[in-house]
Amino acid sequence: MHRSSCAGIIAAVCLLSSVACAQGSAFDEVRLGLYQHDTGIIGNHKEEGVDYAMEALTRPVTLLWIIGSPRIVFGGAWNSAGQTSQVYLGIDKQLDFLHGTFSNKDSFFLEGTIGGVWQDGKHDVVGTPLESRWKSHGGSFLFRPGLALGYRFNERWSIAASLNHISNAGLGKRNEGMNDLGILIGVKL
């Protein structure tokens, strides 16, 4: 990973933390995550390491009522092996179900996200010595859909199993897509 990319991700996470903690902030929730990088689910596993993630979600955006008032999600994932890291922005929608299963304040939730990502990995390594250990993403700016299944302990704390995919949707010369599988711990502000 380039030092400037790492510094950018660290700066974004610090800014995100300070904004999220501000009283009266538009942010509703902050999450920390740990992902298996490039899992090989629906694709070939090439890249190594784990991803350390942090993200913040806004309160529901009522101006987008026509699509269910989703929340805006902004975050980053830093790869421990110095391979593809990412900064992302998108919309997120949660559907709660099974309220009061173990306590009167808990629930399960299903979550979907869609958005864009900037990644610092390789664009095209086909035919080079790097091909066996790097993905060819085809560009720096990609799509990032994701799904999560979670459990909300109470109004404040949650945990979720999350699967995220990044790719250019076949719009570039190369499109090796990558899937990360992990756990997110969330706290409402």
Protein backbone atom coordinates (compact mmCIF):
# COMPACT_ATOMS: atom_id res chain seq x y z
CA MET A 1 0.00 0.00 0.00
CA HIS A 2 1.27 3.45 -0.81
CA ARG A 3 2.06 5.59 2.23
CA SER A 4 -0.18 8.38 0.91
CA SER A 5 -3.10 5.93 0.64
CA CYS A 6 -2.56 4.73 4.20
CA ALA A 7 -2.29 8.31 5.45
CA GLY A 8 -5.47 9.21 3.58
CA ILE A 9 -7.40 6.33 5.11
CA ILE A 10 -6.12 7.15 8.61
CA ALA A 11 -7.04 10.82 8.15
CA ALA A 12 -10.52 9.87 6.91
CA VAL A 13 -11.07 7.56 9.88
CA CYS A 14 -9.91 10.25 12.35
CA LEU A 15 -12.13 12.87 10.74
CA LEU A 16 -15.01 10.40 10.71
CA SER A 17 -14.53 9.67 14.41
CA SER A 18 -14.46 13.32 15.44
CA VAL A 19 -17.48 14.22 13.32
CA ALA A 20 -19.45 11.22 14.55
CA CYS A 21 -18.82 12.09 18.18
CA ALA A 22 -19.90 15.70 17.80
CA GLN A 23 -23.13 16.52 19.56
CA GLY A 24 -25.95 17.08 17.09
CA SER A 25 -24.04 15.21 14.39
CA ALA A 26 -25.79 13.88 11.31
CA PHE A 27 -24.13 10.54 12.07
CA ASP A 28 -26.26 7.92 13.78
CA GLU A 29 -23.93 4.92 14.15
CA VAL A 30 -20.23 4.05 14.06
CA ARG A 31 -18.94 0.54 13.32
CA LEU A 32 -15.63 -1.27 13.60
CA GLY A 33 -15.01 -4.39 11.57
CA LEU A 34 -12.63 -7.21 10.83
CA TYR A 35 -12.81 -8.90 7.42
CA GLN A 36 -11.18 -11.84 5.72
CA HIS A 37 -9.68 -10.12 2.68
CA ASP A 38 -10.45 -11.60 -0.76
CA THR A 39 -12.25 -14.66 0.64
CA GLY A 40 -12.51 -16.57 -2.61
CA ILE A 41 -16.30 -16.75 -2.23
CA ILE A 42 -17.65 -16.38 -5.76
CA GLY A 43 -14.20 -15.93 -7.27
CA ASN A 44 -10.54 -16.83 -6.91
CA HIS A 45 -8.60 -16.05 -3.75
CA LYS A 46 -5.34 -14.22 -4.55
CA GLU A 47 -4.78 -11.42 -2.05
CA GLU A 48 -3.80 -12.00 1.58
CA GLY A 49 -4.31 -10.42 4.97
CA VAL A 50 -7.26 -9.15 6.95
CA ASP A 51 -9.05 -5.84 6.55
CA TYR A 52 -9.56 -3.51 9.50
CA ALA A 53 -12.66 -1.44 8.81
CA MET A 54 -14.38 1.59 10.25
CA GLU A 55 -17.55 3.17 8.98
CA ALA A 56 -20.14 5.74 9.98
CA LEU A 57 -23.79 5.85 9.03
CA THR A 58 -26.01 8.91 8.99
CA ARG A 59 -29.51 9.16 10.33
CA PRO A 60 -32.13 8.10 7.72
CA VAL A 61 -32.22 10.58 4.84
CA THR A 62 -35.89 11.54 4.67
CA LEU A 63 -35.39 13.38 1.37
CA LEU A 64 -34.90 9.92 -0.13
CA TRP A 65 -38.27 8.68 1.18
CA ILE A 66 -39.12 7.29 -2.26
CA ILE A 67 -36.48 4.59 -1.76
CA GLY A 68 -37.24 4.02 1.93
CA SER A 69 -35.17 6.78 3.58
CA PRO A 70 -31.83 4.94 3.56
CA ARG A 71 -28.80 5.99 5.57
CA ILE A 72 -25.57 7.22 3.97
CA VAL A 73 -22.56 5.04 4.81
CA PHE A 74 -18.96 6.28 4.65
CA GLY A 75 -16.02 4.12 5.59
CA GLY A 76 -12.68 2.58 4.89
CA ALA A 77 -10.96 -0.81 5.05
CA TRP A 78 -7.19 -1.09 5.51
CA ASN A 79 -5.50 -4.32 4.41
CA SER A 80 -2.94 -5.73 6.88
CA ALA A 81 -0.79 -7.28 4.12
CA GLY A 82 -0.36 -4.03 2.19
CA GLN A 83 -2.62 -5.14 -0.63
CA THR A 84 -5.92 -3.61 -1.78
CA SER A 85 -7.36 -1.12 0.72
CA GLN A 86 -10.48 0.94 0.10
CA VAL A 87 -12.52 4.01 0.99
CA TYR A 88 -16.24 3.82 0.23
CA LEU A 89 -19.46 5.82 0.15
CA GLY A 90 -22.96 4.52 -0.44
CA ILE A 91 -26.49 4.06 0.81
CA ASP A 92 -27.58 1.51 3.38
CA LYS A 93 -31.00 0.13 4.24
CA GLN A 94 -31.85 -2.10 7.22
CA LEU A 95 -34.94 -4.22 7.76
CA ASP A 96 -35.49 -5.30 11.36
CA PHE A 97 -37.30 -8.54 12.17
CA LEU A 98 -37.83 -10.94 15.09
CA HIS A 99 -38.16 -8.18 17.68
CA GLY A 100 -37.99 -9.26 21.32
CA THR A 101 -36.48 -12.68 20.69
CA PHE A 102 -34.17 -12.80 23.74
CA SER A 103 -35.08 -9.52 25.47
CA ASN A 104 -37.69 -6.84 24.98
CA LYS A 105 -35.15 -4.52 23.26
CA ASP A 106 -33.40 -6.85 20.82
CA SER A 107 -33.99 -7.66 17.14
CA PHE A 108 -32.37 -9.22 14.12
CA PHE A 109 -31.77 -7.22 10.95
CA LEU A 110 -30.98 -7.71 7.29
CA GLU A 111 -28.99 -4.94 5.63
CA GLY A 112 -28.17 -4.07 2.06
CA THR A 113 -25.71 -1.48 0.79
CA ILE A 114 -24.83 -0.14 -2.63
CA GLY A 115 -22.27 2.48 -3.46
CA GLY A 116 -18.88 3.29 -4.85
CA VAL A 117 -15.36 2.61 -3.69
CA TRP A 118 -11.91 3.98 -4.35
CA GLN A 119 -9.29 1.25 -4.03
CA ASP A 120 -5.50 1.38 -4.17
CA GLY A 121 -4.92 -2.11 -5.60
CA LYS A 122 -3.71 -3.05 -9.06
CA HIS A 123 -5.61 -2.24 -12.26
CA ASP A 124 -4.10 -4.87 -14.57
CA VAL A 125 -1.48 -7.45 -13.59
CA VAL A 126 -2.41 -10.11 -16.16
CA GLY A 127 0.75 -11.57 -17.68
CA THR A 128 3.05 -10.12 -15.00
CA PRO A 129 4.76 -11.81 -12.02
CA LEU A 130 2.17 -10.10 -9.75
CA GLU A 131 -0.75 -11.97 -11.33
CA SER A 132 -0.67 -14.86 -8.83
CA ARG A 133 -1.01 -12.62 -5.75
CA TRP A 134 -2.86 -9.46 -6.87
CA LYS A 135 -6.30 -8.94 -8.36
CA SER A 136 -6.73 -6.95 -11.59
CA HIS A 137 -9.51 -4.54 -10.61
CA GLY A 138 -9.58 -2.65 -13.90
CA GLY A 139 -9.63 0.80 -12.28
CA SER A 140 -9.48 2.77 -9.05
CA PHE A 141 -13.20 3.59 -8.80
CA LEU A 142 -15.50 0.57 -8.53
CA PHE A 143 -18.97 -0.46 -7.41
CA ARG A 144 -19.44 -1.83 -3.88
CA PRO A 145 -22.62 -3.78 -3.04
CA GLY A 146 -22.92 -5.58 0.28
CA LEU A 147 -25.20 -7.67 2.48
CA ALA A 148 -25.25 -8.19 6.23
CA LEU A 149 -27.22 -10.25 8.71
CA GLY A 150 -27.10 -8.85 12.21
CA TYR A 151 -28.35 -8.90 15.75
CA ARG A 152 -29.19 -5.75 17.71
CA PHE A 153 -28.65 -6.36 21.45
CA ASN A 154 -30.51 -3.17 22.40
CA GLU A 155 -31.04 0.34 21.01
CA ARG A 156 -27.31 1.01 21.13
CA TRP A 157 -25.20 -2.12 20.33
CA SER A 158 -25.22 -4.49 17.36
CA ILE A 159 -23.12 -7.16 15.66
CA ALA A 160 -23.38 -8.32 12.05
CA ALA A 161 -21.88 -10.82 9.63
CA SER A 162 -21.11 -8.85 6.48
CA LEU A 163 -20.19 -9.72 2.87
CA ASN A 164 -18.97 -6.95 0.55
CA HIS A 165 -18.05 -7.15 -3.12
CA ILE A 166 -16.02 -4.68 -5.19
CA SER A 167 -15.87 -4.75 -8.98
CA ASN A 168 -16.29 -2.57 -12.04
CA ALA A 169 -19.35 -4.60 -13.17
CA GLY A 170 -17.60 -5.57 -16.40
CA LEU A 171 -17.14 -1.96 -17.51
CA GLY A 172 -13.33 -2.20 -17.60
CA LYS A 173 -10.83 -4.33 -19.52
CA ARG A 174 -10.11 -6.32 -16.35
CA ASN A 175 -12.66 -7.14 -13.65
CA GLU A 176 -11.48 -9.71 -11.14
CA GLY A 177 -13.88 -8.56 -8.41
CA MET A 178 -13.13 -9.21 -4.77
CA ASN A 179 -15.26 -10.35 -1.84
CA ASP A 180 -14.58 -9.63 1.83
CA LEU A 181 -16.38 -11.53 4.61
CA GLY A 182 -16.33 -10.33 8.19
CA ILE A 183 -17.86 -9.07 11.39
CA LEU A 184 -19.02 -5.54 12.22
CA ILE A 185 -19.63 -4.22 15.73
CA GLY A 186 -21.86 -1.16 15.78
CA VAL A 187 -22.68 1.47 18.37
CA LYS A 188 -25.44 4.04 18.00
CA LEU A 189 -24.44 7.56 19.00
